[in-house]
C-alpha atoms as a PDB file:
ATOM      1  CA  MET A   1       5.485 -32.109  50.233  1.00  0.00           C
ATOM      2  CA  PRO A   2       7.697 -29.529  48.526  1.00  0.00           C
ATOM      3  CA  ASN A   3      11.456 -29.643  48.848  1.00  0.00           C
ATOM      4  CA  GLU A   4      12.735 -27.142  51.425  1.00  0.00           C
ATOM      5  CA  LEU A   5      15.714 -26.219  53.589  1.00  0.00           C
ATOM      6  CA  THR A   6      15.080 -24.419  56.879  1.00  0.00           C
ATOM      7  CA  ALA A   7      16.827 -24.226  60.255  1.00  0.00           C
ATOM      8  CA  GLY A   8      19.204 -27.120  59.654  1.00  0.00           C
ATOM      9  CA  VAL A   9      16.544 -29.496  58.285  1.00  0.00           C
ATOM     10  CA  ALA A  10      16.422 -30.471  54.617  1.00  0.00           C
ATOM     11  CA  VAL A  11      13.176 -32.005  53.327  1.00  0.00           C
ATOM     12  CA  VAL A  12      13.285 -33.795  49.975  1.00  0.00           C
ATOM     13  CA  GLY A  13      10.084 -35.701  49.226  1.00  0.00           C
ATOM     14  CA  ASP A  14       9.488 -38.045  52.175  1.00  0.00           C
ATOM     15  CA  ILE A  15      13.075 -38.033  53.484  1.00  0.00           C
ATOM     16  CA  ASN A  16      14.052 -35.621  56.256  1.00  0.00           C
ATOM     17  CA  THR A  17      17.707 -34.871  56.858  1.00  0.00           C
ATOM     18  CA  ILE A  18      18.149 -33.663  60.410  1.00  0.00           C
ATOM     19  CA  VAL A  19      21.034 -31.606  61.813  1.00  0.00           C
ATOM     20  CA  ALA A  20      24.395 -33.426  61.634  1.00  0.00           C
ATOM     21  CA  GLY A  21      23.398 -35.426  58.567  1.00  0.00           C
ATOM     22  CA  MET A  22      21.022 -37.934  60.172  1.00  0.00           C
ATOM     23  CA  VAL A  23      18.431 -39.398  57.782  1.00  0.00           C
ATOM     24  CA  GLN A  24      15.070 -40.545  59.150  1.00  0.00           C
ATOM     25  CA  LYS A  25      13.718 -43.761  57.625  1.00  0.00           C
ATOM     26  CA  ALA A  26      11.287 -46.535  58.497  1.00  0.00           C
ATOM     27  CA  THR A  27      11.083 -50.261  57.918  1.00  0.00           C
ATOM     28  CA  LEU A  28       7.783 -52.138  57.851  1.00  0.00           C
ATOM     29  CA  GLY A  29       6.639 -55.623  58.781  1.00  0.00           C
ATOM     30  CA  VAL A  30       3.206 -57.248  58.747  1.00  0.00           C
ATOM     31  CA  ILE A  31       2.567 -59.908  61.385  1.00  0.00           C
ATOM     32  CA  ALA A  32      -0.405 -62.216  60.865  1.00  0.00           C
ATOM     33  CA  ARG A  33      -1.831 -64.840  63.217  1.00  0.00           C
ATOM     34  CA  ALA A  34      -0.121 -67.483  61.061  1.00  0.00           C
ATOM     35  CA  ASN A  35       3.326 -65.994  61.817  1.00  0.00           C
ATOM     36  CA  LEU A  36       4.130 -68.128  64.834  1.00  0.00           C
ATOM     37  CA  VAL A  37       7.577 -68.588  66.399  1.00  0.00           C
ATOM     38  CA  GLY A  38       8.568 -71.212  63.800  1.00  0.00           C
ATOM     39  CA  SER A  39       7.426 -69.111  60.817  1.00  0.00           C
ATOM     40  CA  PRO A  40       8.000 -65.429  61.648  1.00  0.00           C
ATOM     41  CA  ALA A  41       7.236 -62.539  59.322  1.00  0.00           C
ATOM     42  CA  LEU A  42      10.304 -60.814  57.867  1.00  0.00           C
ATOM     43  CA  PHE A  43      10.400 -57.019  57.574  1.00  0.00           C
ATOM     44  CA  ASN A  44      10.791 -55.368  54.164  1.00  0.00           C
ATOM     45  CA  GLU A  45      14.300 -54.253  55.078  1.00  0.00           C
ATOM     46  CA  GLY A  46      16.560 -54.541  58.065  1.00  0.00           C
ATOM     47  CA  LEU A  47      18.337 -51.950  60.137  1.00  0.00           C
ATOM     48  CA  PRO A  48      21.586 -50.650  58.627  1.00  0.00           C
ATOM     49  CA  PRO A  49      24.798 -50.123  60.602  1.00  0.00           C
ATOM     50  CA  ASN A  50      24.692 -47.043  62.867  1.00  0.00           C
ATOM     51  CA  ALA A  51      20.883 -47.037  63.016  1.00  0.00           C
ATOM     52  CA  ARG A  52      19.209 -45.636  66.134  1.00  0.00           C
ATOM     53  CA  ILE A  53      15.548 -46.568  66.649  1.00  0.00           C
ATOM     54  CA  ILE A  54      13.462 -43.504  67.468  1.00  0.00           C
ATOM     55  CA  GLY A  55       9.951 -44.930  67.368  1.00  0.00           C
ATOM     56  CA  VAL A  56       7.726 -47.959  66.892  1.00  0.00           C
ATOM     57  CA  CYS A  57       4.102 -47.835  65.714  1.00  0.00           C
ATOM     58  CA  VAL A  58       1.671 -50.776  65.515  1.00  0.00           C
ATOM     59  CA  GLN A  59      -1.589 -50.617  63.530  1.00  0.00           C
ATOM     60  CA  SER A  60      -4.319 -53.228  63.122  1.00  0.00           C
ATOM     61  CA  PRO A  61      -7.945 -53.387  62.014  1.00  0.00           C
ATOM     62  CA  ALA A  62      -8.900 -55.946  64.692  1.00  0.00           C
ATOM     63  CA  ALA A  63      -7.681 -57.298  68.024  1.00  0.00           C
ATOM     64  CA  SER A  64      -7.108 -61.041  68.385  1.00  0.00           C
ATOM     65  CA  ASN A  65      -9.956 -63.097  69.826  1.00  0.00           C
ATOM     66  CA  ALA A  66      -7.651 -65.740  71.353  1.00  0.00           C
ATOM     67  CA  GLY A  67      -9.011 -67.365  74.504  1.00  0.00           C
ATOM     68  CA  THR A  68      -6.580 -66.183  77.174  1.00  0.00           C
ATOM     69  CA  SER A  69      -3.848 -63.999  75.674  1.00  0.00           C
ATOM     70  CA  ALA A  70      -2.304 -62.910  72.384  1.00  0.00           C
ATOM     71  CA  SER A  71       0.853 -60.927  71.666  1.00  0.00           C
ATOM     72  CA  ILE A  72       3.373 -59.958  69.001  1.00  0.00           C
ATOM     73  CA  THR A  73       7.140 -59.844  69.404  1.00  0.00           C
ATOM     74  CA  VAL A  74       9.683 -58.105  67.146  1.00  0.00           C
ATOM     75  CA  GLY A  75      13.444 -58.524  67.163  1.00  0.00           C
ATOM     76  CA  PHE A  76      16.592 -59.381  65.275  1.00  0.00           C
ATOM     77  CA  VAL A  77      16.719 -62.572  63.165  1.00  0.00           C
ATOM     78  CA  ASP A  78      20.216 -63.150  64.588  1.00  0.00           C
ATOM     79  CA  GLY A  79      19.193 -62.128  68.126  1.00  0.00           C
ATOM     80  CA  VAL A  80      19.258 -64.370  71.173  1.00  0.00           C
ATOM     81  CA  ASN A  81      15.549 -64.155  72.058  1.00  0.00           C
ATOM     82  CA  HIS A  82      14.308 -62.306  68.923  1.00  0.00           C
ATOM     83  CA  ASN A  83      12.577 -59.736  71.165  1.00  0.00           C
ATOM     84  CA  GLU A  84      15.007 -56.816  71.092  1.00  0.00           C
ATOM     85  CA  ILE A  85      12.428 -54.268  69.871  1.00  0.00           C
ATOM     86  CA  LEU A  86       8.986 -55.404  71.118  1.00  0.00           C
ATOM     87  CA  ASN A  87       8.591 -58.127  73.713  1.00  0.00           C
ATOM     88  CA  ALA A  88       5.113 -59.674  73.881  1.00  0.00           C
ATOM     89  CA  LEU A  89       2.989 -56.606  73.068  1.00  0.00           C
ATOM     90  CA  ASP A  90      -0.613 -57.469  74.025  1.00  0.00           C
ATOM     91  CA  VAL A  91      -2.768 -57.603  70.865  1.00  0.00           C
ATOM     92  CA  LYS A  92      -5.834 -59.179  72.475  1.00  0.00           C
ATOM     93  CA  ALA A  93      -6.969 -56.065  74.313  1.00  0.00           C
ATOM     94  CA  ALA A  94      -8.892 -53.596  72.153  1.00  0.00           C
ATOM     95  CA  GLY A  95      -6.624 -50.715  73.178  1.00  0.00           C
ATOM     96  CA  THR A  96      -3.411 -52.293  71.912  1.00  0.00           C
ATOM     97  CA  GLY A  97      -4.571 -54.993  69.516  1.00  0.00           C
ATOM     98  CA  GLN A  98      -6.728 -52.743  67.340  1.00  0.00           C
ATOM     99  CA  GLY A  99      -6.186 -49.279  65.926  1.00  0.00           C
ATOM    100  CA  GLN A 100      -2.861 -47.456  66.167  1.00  0.00           C
ATOM    101  CA  VAL A 101      -0.598 -47.697  69.192  1.00  0.00           C
ATOM    102  CA  THR A 102       2.876 -46.425  70.005  1.00  0.00           C
ATOM    103  CA  PRO A 103       4.242 -48.911  72.529  1.00  0.00           C
ATOM    104  CA  ASN A 104       6.917 -47.964  75.024  1.00  0.00           C
ATOM    105  CA  THR A 105      10.247 -49.310  73.863  1.00  0.00           C
ATOM    106  CA  ALA A 106      13.684 -49.114  75.349  1.00  0.00           C
ATOM    107  CA  LEU A 107      15.939 -46.281  74.235  1.00  0.00           C
ATOM    108  CA  PHE A 108      18.332 -47.860  71.810  1.00  0.00           C
ATOM    109  CA  PRO A 109      21.978 -47.019  71.372  1.00  0.00           C
ATOM    110  CA  ALA A 110      23.229 -46.913  67.794  1.00  0.00           C
ATOM    111  CA  ILE A 111      23.264 -50.421  66.325  1.00  0.00           C
ATOM    112  CA  ALA A 112      26.803 -51.223  65.201  1.00  0.00           C
ATOM    113  CA  ALA A 113      26.058 -54.080  62.779  1.00  0.00           C
ATOM    114  CA  PRO A 114      23.170 -54.449  60.330  1.00  0.00           C
ATOM    115  CA  HIS A 115      20.247 -56.643  61.442  1.00  0.00           C
ATOM    116  CA  GLN A 116      17.385 -58.282  59.563  1.00  0.00           C
ATOM    117  CA  LEU A 117      14.126 -57.972  61.535  1.00  0.00           C
ATOM    118  CA  GLN A 118      11.387 -60.487  62.225  1.00  0.00           C
ATOM    119  CA  GLY A 119       8.102 -60.583  64.084  1.00  0.00           C
ATOM    120  CA  TYR A 120       5.858 -63.338  65.359  1.00  0.00           C
ATOM    121  CA  TYR A 121       2.486 -63.885  67.022  1.00  0.00           C
ATOM    122  CA  THR A 122       1.766 -66.035  70.079  1.00  0.00           C
ATOM    123  CA  GLU A 123      -1.481 -66.901  71.804  1.00  0.00           C
ATOM    124  CA  ALA A 124      -2.715 -68.947  74.742  1.00  0.00           C
ATOM    125  CA  GLY A 125      -6.076 -70.493  75.589  1.00  0.00           C
ATOM    126  CA  ALA A 126      -8.680 -71.192  72.914  1.00  0.00           C
ATOM    127  CA  ALA A 127      -7.322 -70.698  69.395  1.00  0.00           C
ATOM    128  CA  SER A 128      -8.170 -67.405  67.730  1.00  0.00           C
ATOM    129  CA  SER A 129     -10.326 -67.209  64.615  1.00  0.00           C
ATOM    130  CA  SER A 130      -9.864 -63.501  63.902  1.00  0.00           C
ATOM    131  CA  GLY A 131      -7.609 -60.551  64.571  1.00  0.00           C
ATOM    132  CA  GLY A 132      -4.786 -58.677  62.909  1.00  0.00           C
ATOM    133  CA  PRO A 133      -2.811 -58.461  60.819  1.00  0.00           C
ATOM    134  CA  TRP A 134      -0.541 -56.073  62.702  1.00  0.00           C
ATOM    135  CA  LEU A 135       1.510 -53.579  60.673  1.00  0.00           C
ATOM    136  CA  VAL A 136       4.665 -52.652  62.573  1.00  0.00           C
ATOM    137  CA  ALA A 137       6.599 -49.552  61.512  1.00  0.00           C
ATOM    138  CA  ILE A 138      10.018 -49.001  63.050  1.00  0.00           C
ATOM    139  CA  GLU A 139      11.376 -45.487  62.606  1.00  0.00           C
ATOM    140  CA  PHE A 140      15.124 -44.939  62.825  1.00  0.00           C
ATOM    141  CA  VAL A 141      17.876 -42.469  62.001  1.00  0.00           C
ATOM    142  CA  THR A 142      21.347 -43.291  60.798  1.00  0.00           C
ATOM    143  CA  ILE A 143      24.211 -41.446  62.452  1.00  0.00           C
END
């Protein structure tokens, strides 16, 4: 993508600067079936101070084949329930466990303090033998 400046938006490589100086970024995490509550996956970087989440995208080549249910949860390492961003997103069903999905998430106010992010997988019923991994991209702007 060429560098450009039009209508209050500056584009330099893969970074967009939106009106009022906001910079859009993303952080990535990969959650595998082995990343259970006691051994969560850590994201490549956390959320900085004054970050506002604007989108979450989950991609996977295969849904889980767990017996009854399977889900992934994403939240703050220092959070109370570690589910501040995604709470038990179903990854057993073909529609949400495989392909690309944009789950509904709460609208977030700006995050005052920085947070490291983590994600984990849970299942119920017969143990799974396939599924995932689930790539989770969290898009945010800093204000």
